[in-house]
Amino acid sequence: MDTIKCKYHFRKYKVAQGHPFLVVIIRETKDENGKTLLSGFNLTHSVTYVLSRPNKFIRIDNPNPNDDADCFLNTDMVKDKPIGKFSKPIPNWELSEDDIKQIDAILLEKYNIR
């Protein structure tokens, strides 16, 4: 795998009606046919959806610099999806340092990924 500047970046996930998706770069792999696969977490603004499954979400600072709506990350990882199901990386979206620590802890505790 090439050198990674940043562990995380954001893309739109076409399967989830274009919802933003936090890509966990550390989980980028290639399948037996050499196709790139991505893993990560879906994001949502829907407080109603989050309240229906409160143990599955954490609140994060909205990574979109042009949006101040509440943002939640689904802690159930979507694993090994073909890169064609995603948009190109979204420029200027960033995680806060506190959110990075929180997501790193989830990766370690729930998925044993460092």
N, C-alpha and C. Protein backbone atom coordinates (compact mmCIF):
# COMPACT_ATOMS: atom_id res chain seq x y z
N MET A 1 0.84 -1.18 0.00
CA MET A 1 0.00 0.00 0.00
C MET A 1 0.89 1.24 0.00
N ASP A 2 0.44 2.28 -0.70
CA ASP A 2 1.20 3.52 -0.76
C ASP A 2 1.21 4.21 0.60
N THR A 3 2.16 5.15 0.76
CA THR A 3 2.23 5.92 1.98
C THR A 3 0.94 6.71 2.16
N ILE A 4 0.44 6.71 3.38
CA ILE A 4 -0.82 7.39 3.67
C ILE A 4 -0.52 8.66 4.45
N LYS A 5 -0.99 9.80 3.95
CA LYS A 5 -0.80 11.07 4.63
C LYS A 5 -1.77 11.19 5.80
N CYS A 6 -2.98 10.70 5.62
CA CYS A 6 -4.02 10.84 6.61
C CYS A 6 -4.73 9.49 6.76
N LYS A 7 -5.01 9.12 7.99
CA LYS A 7 -5.66 7.85 8.24
C LYS A 7 -7.11 7.83 7.77
N TYR A 8 -7.76 8.98 7.80
CA TYR A 8 -9.17 9.09 7.46
C TYR A 8 -9.40 10.11 6.35
N HIS A 9 -10.40 9.85 5.55
CA HIS A 9 -10.91 10.87 4.64
C HIS A 9 -12.39 10.57 4.38
N PHE A 10 -13.06 11.50 3.73
CA PHE A 10 -14.50 11.38 3.51
C PHE A 10 -14.81 11.24 2.03
N ARG A 11 -15.83 10.44 1.75
CA ARG A 11 -16.37 10.26 0.41
C ARG A 11 -17.88 10.15 0.54
N LYS A 12 -18.59 10.29 -0.57
CA LYS A 12 -20.02 10.00 -0.59
C LYS A 12 -20.17 8.52 -0.92
N TYR A 13 -21.07 7.86 -0.21
CA TYR A 13 -21.31 6.43 -0.42
C TYR A 13 -22.56 6.30 -1.28
N LYS A 14 -22.40 5.92 -2.53
CA LYS A 14 -23.49 5.89 -3.49
C LYS A 14 -24.62 4.94 -3.07
N VAL A 15 -24.29 3.84 -2.42
CA VAL A 15 -25.28 2.86 -2.00
C VAL A 15 -26.22 3.44 -0.93
N ALA A 16 -25.71 4.34 -0.11
CA ALA A 16 -26.49 4.94 0.98
C ALA A 16 -27.06 6.29 0.55
N GLN A 17 -27.58 6.35 -0.68
CA GLN A 17 -28.19 7.56 -1.23
C GLN A 17 -27.27 8.77 -1.12
N GLY A 18 -25.96 8.53 -1.27
CA GLY A 18 -25.00 9.61 -1.29
C GLY A 18 -24.68 10.20 0.07
N HIS A 19 -25.04 9.47 1.15
CA HIS A 19 -24.69 9.97 2.48
C HIS A 19 -23.18 10.04 2.61
N PRO A 20 -22.71 11.00 3.39
CA PRO A 20 -21.26 11.05 3.64
C PRO A 20 -20.79 9.79 4.36
N PHE A 21 -19.57 9.44 4.10
CA PHE A 21 -18.98 8.21 4.60
C PHE A 21 -17.56 8.52 5.04
N LEU A 22 -17.20 8.14 6.25
CA LEU A 22 -15.83 8.29 6.74
C LEU A 22 -15.06 7.05 6.34
N VAL A 23 -14.09 7.20 5.48
CA VAL A 23 -13.28 6.07 5.02
C VAL A 23 -12.12 5.89 5.99
N VAL A 24 -11.97 4.68 6.46
CA VAL A 24 -10.86 4.32 7.32
C VAL A 24 -9.76 3.79 6.42
N ILE A 25 -8.79 4.62 6.14
CA ILE A 25 -7.75 4.26 5.18
C ILE A 25 -7.01 2.99 5.58
N ILE A 26 -6.85 2.77 6.87
CA ILE A 26 -6.11 1.61 7.31
C ILE A 26 -6.75 0.30 6.85
N ARG A 27 -8.04 0.35 6.51
CA ARG A 27 -8.75 -0.84 6.06
C ARG A 27 -8.81 -0.93 4.53
N GLU A 28 -8.09 -0.09 3.82
CA GLU A 28 -8.09 -0.19 2.37
C GLU A 28 -7.33 -1.46 1.99
N THR A 29 -7.95 -2.29 1.19
CA THR A 29 -7.34 -3.55 0.78
C THR A 29 -7.58 -3.76 -0.71
N LYS A 30 -7.01 -4.81 -1.23
CA LYS A 30 -7.28 -5.20 -2.62
C LYS A 30 -7.82 -6.63 -2.59
N ASP A 31 -8.84 -6.88 -3.42
CA ASP A 31 -9.38 -8.23 -3.47
C ASP A 31 -8.52 -9.10 -4.39
N GLU A 32 -8.94 -10.34 -4.57
CA GLU A 32 -8.14 -11.27 -5.38
C GLU A 32 -8.01 -10.83 -6.84
N ASN A 33 -8.89 -9.94 -7.30
CA ASN A 33 -8.81 -9.43 -8.66
C ASN A 33 -8.05 -8.11 -8.74
N GLY A 34 -7.48 -7.67 -7.61
CA GLY A 34 -6.69 -6.44 -7.59
C GLY A 34 -7.53 -5.18 -7.47
N LYS A 35 -8.83 -5.30 -7.19
CA LYS A 35 -9.69 -4.13 -7.06
C LYS A 35 -9.57 -3.56 -5.65
N THR A 36 -9.58 -2.24 -5.55
CA THR A 36 -9.48 -1.58 -4.27
C THR A 36 -10.80 -1.65 -3.52
N LEU A 37 -10.72 -2.02 -2.26
CA LEU A 37 -11.88 -2.10 -1.38
C LEU A 37 -11.71 -1.11 -0.24
N LEU A 38 -12.77 -0.45 0.16
CA LEU A 38 -12.71 0.51 1.26
C LEU A 38 -13.62 0.07 2.40
N SER A 39 -13.25 0.46 3.59
CA SER A 39 -14.07 0.21 4.78
C SER A 39 -14.16 1.50 5.57
N GLY A 40 -15.24 1.63 6.32
CA GLY A 40 -15.39 2.82 7.13
C GLY A 40 -16.75 2.90 7.77
N PHE A 41 -17.20 4.12 8.04
CA PHE A 41 -18.42 4.36 8.79
C PHE A 41 -19.33 5.34 8.07
N ASN A 42 -20.63 5.06 8.10
CA ASN A 42 -21.62 6.00 7.57
C ASN A 42 -21.84 7.14 8.55
N LEU A 43 -22.15 8.30 8.02
CA LEU A 43 -22.50 9.48 8.81
C LEU A 43 -23.95 9.85 8.53
N THR A 44 -24.59 10.51 9.49
CA THR A 44 -25.95 10.97 9.30
C THR A 44 -26.20 12.24 10.10
N HIS A 45 -27.19 13.01 9.65
CA HIS A 45 -27.69 14.17 10.39
C HIS A 45 -28.98 13.83 11.11
N SER A 46 -29.57 12.68 10.82
CA SER A 46 -30.91 12.34 11.29
C SER A 46 -30.94 12.00 12.79
N VAL A 47 -31.39 12.95 13.59
CA VAL A 47 -31.52 12.72 15.02
C VAL A 47 -32.55 11.63 15.28
N THR A 48 -33.63 11.61 14.51
CA THR A 48 -34.68 10.59 14.67
C THR A 48 -34.10 9.20 14.47
N TYR A 49 -33.30 9.02 13.44
CA TYR A 49 -32.68 7.71 13.18
C TYR A 49 -31.73 7.34 14.30
N VAL A 50 -30.95 8.28 14.75
CA VAL A 50 -29.99 8.03 15.83
C VAL A 50 -30.73 7.64 17.11
N LEU A 51 -31.83 8.33 17.43
CA LEU A 51 -32.58 8.02 18.64
C LEU A 51 -33.24 6.64 18.58
N SER A 52 -33.48 6.13 17.36
CA SER A 52 -34.06 4.79 17.22
C SER A 52 -33.03 3.69 17.51
N ARG A 53 -31.75 4.05 17.47
CA ARG A 53 -30.67 3.09 17.72
C ARG A 53 -29.52 3.80 18.44
N PRO A 54 -29.76 4.33 19.62
CA PRO A 54 -28.76 5.19 20.27
C PRO A 54 -27.43 4.51 20.59
N ASN A 55 -27.41 3.20 20.76
CA ASN A 55 -26.16 2.51 21.08
C ASN A 55 -25.28 2.29 19.85
N LYS A 56 -25.77 2.63 18.68
CA LYS A 56 -25.03 2.41 17.44
C LYS A 56 -24.35 3.67 16.90
N PHE A 57 -24.54 4.81 17.58
CA PHE A 57 -24.03 6.08 17.06
C PHE A 57 -23.25 6.85 18.10
N ILE A 58 -22.29 7.64 17.61
CA ILE A 58 -21.62 8.62 18.45
C ILE A 58 -21.76 9.97 17.75
N ARG A 59 -21.82 11.01 18.52
CA ARG A 59 -21.86 12.36 17.95
C ARG A 59 -20.45 12.82 17.68
N ILE A 60 -20.24 13.40 16.51
CA ILE A 60 -18.94 13.98 16.18
C ILE A 60 -19.17 15.41 15.71
N ASP A 61 -18.10 16.19 15.73
CA ASP A 61 -18.18 17.53 15.15
C ASP A 61 -18.40 17.36 13.65
N ASN A 62 -19.26 18.19 13.10
CA ASN A 62 -19.54 18.08 11.67
C ASN A 62 -18.25 18.35 10.90
N PRO A 63 -17.80 17.38 10.08
CA PRO A 63 -16.56 17.55 9.33
C PRO A 63 -16.69 18.51 8.14
N ASN A 64 -17.93 18.80 7.75
CA ASN A 64 -18.18 19.68 6.61
C ASN A 64 -18.05 21.13 7.08
N PRO A 65 -17.08 21.88 6.56
CA PRO A 65 -16.89 23.26 7.01
C PRO A 65 -18.04 24.19 6.61
N ASN A 66 -18.91 23.75 5.71
CA ASN A 66 -20.03 24.58 5.26
C ASN A 66 -21.37 24.16 5.87
N ASP A 67 -21.32 23.37 6.92
CA ASP A 67 -22.55 22.85 7.52
C ASP A 67 -22.37 22.80 9.03
N ASP A 68 -23.35 23.30 9.77
CA ASP A 68 -23.24 23.27 11.22
C ASP A 68 -24.29 22.35 11.87
N ALA A 69 -24.95 21.52 11.07
CA ALA A 69 -25.95 20.58 11.60
C ALA A 69 -25.26 19.51 12.45
N ASP A 70 -26.03 18.93 13.37
CA ASP A 70 -25.50 17.82 14.16
C ASP A 70 -25.06 16.69 13.24
N CYS A 71 -24.00 16.01 13.62
CA CYS A 71 -23.46 14.93 12.80
C CYS A 71 -23.20 13.72 13.70
N PHE A 72 -23.60 12.55 13.21
CA PHE A 72 -23.45 11.32 13.97
C PHE A 72 -22.78 10.26 13.11
N LEU A 73 -21.95 9.45 13.76
CA LEU A 73 -21.23 8.38 13.08
C LEU A 73 -21.79 7.05 13.56
N ASN A 74 -22.16 6.19 12.62
CA ASN A 74 -22.64 4.85 12.95
C ASN A 74 -21.41 3.98 13.23
N THR A 75 -21.33 3.41 14.42
CA THR A 75 -20.13 2.66 14.82
C THR A 75 -20.07 1.25 14.24
N ASP A 76 -21.09 0.85 13.48
CA ASP A 76 -21.02 -0.44 12.77
C ASP A 76 -20.27 -0.21 11.47
N MET A 77 -19.11 -0.82 11.36
CA MET A 77 -18.25 -0.61 10.19
C MET A 77 -18.83 -1.28 8.95
N VAL A 78 -18.79 -0.57 7.85
CA VAL A 78 -19.11 -1.12 6.53
C VAL A 78 -17.77 -1.58 5.98
N LYS A 79 -17.65 -2.87 5.68
CA LYS A 79 -16.33 -3.42 5.35
C LYS A 79 -16.20 -3.84 3.89
N ASP A 80 -15.03 -3.55 3.37
CA ASP A 80 -14.57 -4.07 2.09
C ASP A 80 -15.55 -3.88 0.94
N LYS A 81 -15.91 -2.64 0.68
CA LYS A 81 -16.79 -2.30 -0.44
C LYS A 81 -15.95 -1.77 -1.59
N PRO A 82 -16.31 -2.12 -2.83
CA PRO A 82 -15.53 -1.66 -3.99
C PRO A 82 -15.48 -0.14 -4.06
N ILE A 83 -14.33 0.38 -4.42
CA ILE A 83 -14.12 1.82 -4.47
C ILE A 83 -15.09 2.50 -5.44
N GLY A 84 -15.60 1.77 -6.43
CA GLY A 84 -16.55 2.31 -7.39
C GLY A 84 -17.88 2.70 -6.76
N LYS A 85 -18.16 2.24 -5.56
CA LYS A 85 -19.40 2.59 -4.87
C LYS A 85 -19.28 3.93 -4.13
N PHE A 86 -18.13 4.58 -4.27
CA PHE A 86 -17.86 5.84 -3.57
C PHE A 86 -17.49 6.94 -4.55
N SER A 87 -17.73 8.17 -4.12
CA SER A 87 -17.27 9.32 -4.89
C SER A 87 -15.76 9.48 -4.67
N LYS A 88 -15.20 10.47 -5.30
CA LYS A 88 -13.82 10.85 -5.01
C LYS A 88 -13.79 11.46 -3.61
N PRO A 89 -12.62 11.54 -2.96
CA PRO A 89 -12.56 12.16 -1.64
C PRO A 89 -13.14 13.58 -1.66
N ILE A 90 -13.82 13.92 -0.57
CA ILE A 90 -14.43 15.24 -0.44
C ILE A 90 -13.37 16.19 0.12
N PRO A 91 -13.04 17.25 -0.62
CA PRO A 91 -12.00 18.17 -0.13
C PRO A 91 -12.49 19.01 1.05
N ASN A 92 -11.56 19.38 1.90
CA ASN A 92 -11.76 20.29 3.03
C ASN A 92 -12.56 19.73 4.19
N TRP A 93 -12.98 18.49 4.15
CA TRP A 93 -13.67 17.90 5.30
C TRP A 93 -12.62 17.30 6.23
N GLU A 94 -12.75 17.60 7.53
CA GLU A 94 -11.76 17.12 8.50
C GLU A 94 -12.41 16.72 9.80
N LEU A 95 -11.79 15.76 10.47
CA LEU A 95 -12.20 15.36 11.81
C LEU A 95 -11.47 16.22 12.84
N SER A 96 -12.13 16.50 13.95
CA SER A 96 -11.46 17.20 15.04
C SER A 96 -10.50 16.21 15.72
N GLU A 97 -9.55 16.73 16.48
CA GLU A 97 -8.61 15.86 17.20
C GLU A 97 -9.36 14.95 18.18
N ASP A 98 -10.38 15.50 18.87
CA ASP A 98 -11.16 14.68 19.81
C ASP A 98 -11.90 13.56 19.08
N ASP A 99 -12.44 13.85 17.89
CA ASP A 99 -13.14 12.81 17.13
C ASP A 99 -12.17 11.74 16.64
N ILE A 100 -10.98 12.13 16.25
CA ILE A 100 -9.98 11.15 15.83
C ILE A 100 -9.69 10.19 16.97
N LYS A 101 -9.50 10.72 18.18
CA LYS A 101 -9.24 9.87 19.34
C LYS A 101 -10.41 8.93 19.61
N GLN A 102 -11.62 9.47 19.52
CA GLN A 102 -12.82 8.68 19.77
C GLN A 102 -12.96 7.54 18.75
N ILE A 103 -12.71 7.83 17.48
CA ILE A 103 -12.82 6.83 16.41
C ILE A 103 -11.68 5.83 16.50
N ASP A 104 -10.47 6.30 16.82
CA ASP A 104 -9.36 5.38 17.03
C ASP A 104 -9.70 4.37 18.13
N ALA A 105 -10.33 4.84 19.22
CA ALA A 105 -10.70 3.96 20.32
C ALA A 105 -11.74 2.93 19.88
N ILE A 106 -12.70 3.34 19.07
CA ILE A 106 -13.70 2.40 18.55
C ILE A 106 -13.04 1.34 17.68
N LEU A 107 -12.14 1.77 16.82
CA LEU A 107 -11.44 0.82 15.95
C LEU A 107 -10.66 -0.21 16.76
N LEU A 108 -10.04 0.23 17.83
CA LEU A 108 -9.25 -0.68 18.64
C LEU A 108 -10.15 -1.61 19.48
N GLU A 109 -11.12 -1.03 20.16
CA GLU A 109 -11.98 -1.81 21.06
C GLU A 109 -12.93 -2.75 20.32
N LYS A 110 -13.57 -2.25 19.28
CA LYS A 110 -14.61 -3.03 18.61
C LYS A 110 -14.08 -3.89 17.46
N TYR A 111 -13.00 -3.43 16.82
CA TYR A 111 -12.52 -4.14 15.61
C TYR A 111 -11.06 -4.58 15.69
N ASN A 112 -10.40 -4.28 16.81
CA ASN A 112 -8.99 -4.63 17.00
C ASN A 112 -8.10 -4.12 15.86
N ILE A 113 -8.40 -2.90 15.42
CA ILE A 113 -7.60 -2.25 14.37
C ILE A 113 -6.86 -1.09 15.00
N ARG A 114 -5.57 -1.02 14.78
CA ARG A 114 -4.74 0.07 15.32
C ARG A 114 -4.50 1.10 14.27
